[in-house]
Amino acid sequence: MRFLGIVPKVSLFTVPYAVLAFYLNSRPNFSFPRFPALGFALLTAGIVFWLLCYRQISKAYRRGELLTTGCYSRVRHPIYSIWGFLIVPGFSIAIGGFMLGLPLFYWLALVKFIGEEENALEERFDDGWREYAGRTPRFLPRL
């Protein structure tokens, strides 16, 4: 699996919806509530967490290691979770209107393709991946 994982496939679902939503939002007959302050707060938090996780996974990827510490000790896919719970919703809430459907498209695409990435990780890291996946939740940390 390449460094970007399933991001290109997820983008094939989400980008066309985002373009359509921008178009529909620009129609003069539609006026939707927006919450830019909340959206930008979610975006800011998401970008900070994303940068932290991205730095960790980049180092492990260059070394060819399975990362199971730091952000990856809480969930198997923290970057996808950050995008799904903070960045995409933050962007959607800030824009409003039809863009509010974007997180749904993101999660549908992610759930559809995540198995491919996990199969590739299992093939590459064997028992290390299986043990890690058995003890670490996919998207939401245990409380």
Protein backbone atom coordinates (compact mmCIF):
# COMPACT_ATOMS: atom_id res chain seq x y z
CA MET A 1 0.00 0.00 0.00
CA ARG A 2 1.22 3.46 -0.81
CA PHE A 3 1.64 6.19 1.77
CA LEU A 4 -1.71 7.80 0.89
CA GLY A 5 -3.57 4.55 1.55
CA ILE A 6 -7.19 4.77 0.48
CA VAL A 7 -7.30 8.58 0.31
CA PRO A 8 -7.51 8.66 -3.52
CA LYS A 9 -10.50 6.29 -3.50
CA VAL A 10 -12.26 8.19 -0.72
CA SER A 11 -11.65 11.41 -2.67
CA LEU A 12 -13.41 9.94 -5.70
CA PHE A 13 -16.60 9.94 -3.60
CA THR A 14 -16.18 13.11 -1.58
CA VAL A 15 -14.76 15.61 -4.07
CA PRO A 16 -17.63 15.34 -6.60
CA TYR A 17 -20.13 15.75 -3.77
CA ALA A 18 -18.24 18.81 -2.46
CA VAL A 19 -18.21 20.39 -5.93
CA LEU A 20 -21.94 19.75 -6.31
CA ALA A 21 -22.59 21.16 -2.82
CA PHE A 22 -20.62 24.33 -3.62
CA TYR A 23 -22.65 24.72 -6.80
CA LEU A 24 -25.99 24.18 -5.04
CA ASN A 25 -24.99 26.53 -2.22
CA SER A 26 -24.21 29.25 -4.76
CA ARG A 27 -27.76 29.19 -6.16
CA PRO A 28 -29.50 32.46 -5.27
CA ASN A 29 -32.71 30.81 -4.01
CA PHE A 30 -30.98 28.94 -1.18
CA SER A 31 -30.04 30.50 2.12
CA PHE A 32 -28.73 28.16 4.79
CA PRO A 33 -27.53 28.81 8.32
CA ARG A 34 -23.78 28.66 8.78
CA PHE A 35 -21.71 28.37 11.92
CA PRO A 36 -18.29 29.67 10.91
CA ALA A 37 -16.89 30.04 14.44
CA LEU A 38 -17.71 26.44 15.36
CA GLY A 39 -16.48 25.20 11.97
CA PHE A 40 -13.17 27.01 12.24
CA ALA A 41 -12.68 25.77 15.83
CA LEU A 42 -13.14 22.17 14.65
CA LEU A 43 -10.85 22.79 11.68
CA THR A 44 -8.14 24.30 13.87
CA ALA A 45 -8.23 21.44 16.37
CA GLY A 46 -8.29 18.92 13.52
CA ILE A 47 -5.28 20.43 11.77
CA VAL A 48 -3.24 20.43 14.99
CA PHE A 49 -4.07 16.77 15.71
CA TRP A 50 -3.57 15.83 12.05
CA LEU A 51 -0.09 17.38 11.98
CA LEU A 52 0.87 15.50 15.13
CA CYS A 53 -0.31 12.15 13.73
CA TYR A 54 1.10 12.84 10.28
CA ARG A 55 4.53 13.49 11.75
CA GLN A 56 4.41 10.21 13.68
CA ILE A 57 3.24 8.07 10.76
CA SER A 58 5.67 9.67 8.31
CA LYS A 59 8.65 8.63 10.43
CA ALA A 60 7.36 5.09 10.89
CA TYR A 61 6.54 4.76 7.18
CA ARG A 62 10.06 5.81 6.17
CA ARG A 63 11.48 3.18 8.54
CA GLY A 64 9.02 0.55 7.32
CA GLU A 65 7.60 0.03 10.82
CA LEU A 66 4.09 -0.60 12.08
CA LEU A 67 3.27 2.38 14.29
CA THR A 68 1.45 1.33 17.46
CA THR A 69 2.43 4.18 19.80
CA GLY A 70 1.43 7.80 20.17
CA CYS A 71 -1.79 8.64 18.30
CA TYR A 72 -1.81 5.11 16.93
CA SER A 73 -1.97 3.57 20.39
CA ARG A 74 -5.57 4.81 20.80
CA VAL A 75 -7.05 4.02 17.36
CA ARG A 76 -5.76 2.24 14.26
CA HIS A 77 -6.65 5.07 11.91
CA PRO A 78 -6.36 8.37 13.81
CA ILE A 79 -5.82 10.47 10.69
CA TYR A 80 -9.03 9.21 9.10
CA SER A 81 -10.81 9.79 12.42
CA ILE A 82 -9.48 13.34 12.66
CA TRP A 83 -10.64 14.08 9.13
CA GLY A 84 -14.02 12.44 9.79
CA PHE A 85 -14.78 14.00 13.17
CA LEU A 86 -13.01 17.37 13.01
CA ILE A 87 -11.74 18.57 9.64
CA VAL A 88 -14.52 17.53 7.23
CA PRO A 89 -17.34 18.42 9.67
CA GLY A 90 -15.60 21.69 10.58
CA PHE A 91 -15.31 22.64 6.94
CA SER A 92 -18.92 21.60 6.34
CA ILE A 93 -20.30 23.52 9.31
CA ALA A 94 -18.36 26.66 8.34
CA ILE A 95 -19.73 26.54 4.77
CA GLY A 96 -23.20 25.25 5.68
CA GLY A 97 -25.97 24.31 3.29
CA PHE A 98 -25.56 21.24 1.14
CA MET A 99 -21.97 20.95 2.36
CA LEU A 100 -23.40 19.52 5.60
CA GLY A 101 -23.83 16.21 3.76
CA LEU A 102 -20.10 15.90 3.06
CA PRO A 103 -19.21 14.08 6.31
CA LEU A 104 -21.76 11.38 5.46
CA PHE A 105 -20.14 10.83 2.05
CA TYR A 106 -16.71 10.78 3.68
CA TRP A 107 -17.70 8.09 6.21
CA LEU A 108 -19.53 5.97 3.64
CA ALA A 109 -16.48 5.97 1.38
CA LEU A 110 -14.10 5.36 4.27
CA VAL A 111 -16.04 2.38 5.59
CA LYS A 112 -16.30 0.98 2.06
CA PHE A 113 -12.53 1.08 1.42
CA ILE A 114 -10.87 0.72 4.85
CA GLY A 115 -10.79 -3.06 4.55
CA GLU A 116 -8.43 -2.79 1.58
CA GLU A 117 -5.94 -0.79 3.62
CA GLU A 118 -6.22 -3.11 6.60
CA ASN A 119 -5.69 -6.17 4.37
CA ALA A 120 -2.54 -4.58 2.94
CA LEU A 121 -1.27 -3.83 6.46
CA GLU A 122 -1.99 -7.38 7.59
CA GLU A 123 -0.15 -8.74 4.57
CA ARG A 124 2.85 -6.52 5.28
CA PHE A 125 3.05 -6.84 9.07
CA ASP A 126 1.47 -10.29 9.65
CA ASP A 127 0.99 -11.19 13.31
CA GLY A 128 2.10 -7.71 14.42
CA TRP A 129 -0.87 -6.18 12.64
CA ARG A 130 -3.32 -8.84 13.80
CA GLU A 131 -2.31 -8.39 17.44
CA TYR A 132 -2.44 -4.58 17.13
CA ALA A 133 -5.83 -4.67 15.35
CA GLY A 134 -7.19 -7.03 18.00
CA ARG A 135 -6.45 -4.62 20.84
CA THR A 136 -6.90 -1.23 19.13
CA PRO A 137 -10.25 0.11 17.92
CA ARG A 138 -10.57 1.22 14.32
CA PHE A 139 -11.82 4.84 14.58
CA LEU A 140 -13.01 5.69 18.11
CA PRO A 141 -10.86 5.22 21.20
CA ARG A 142 -12.19 3.19 24.08
CA LEU A 143 -13.23 5.28 27.05
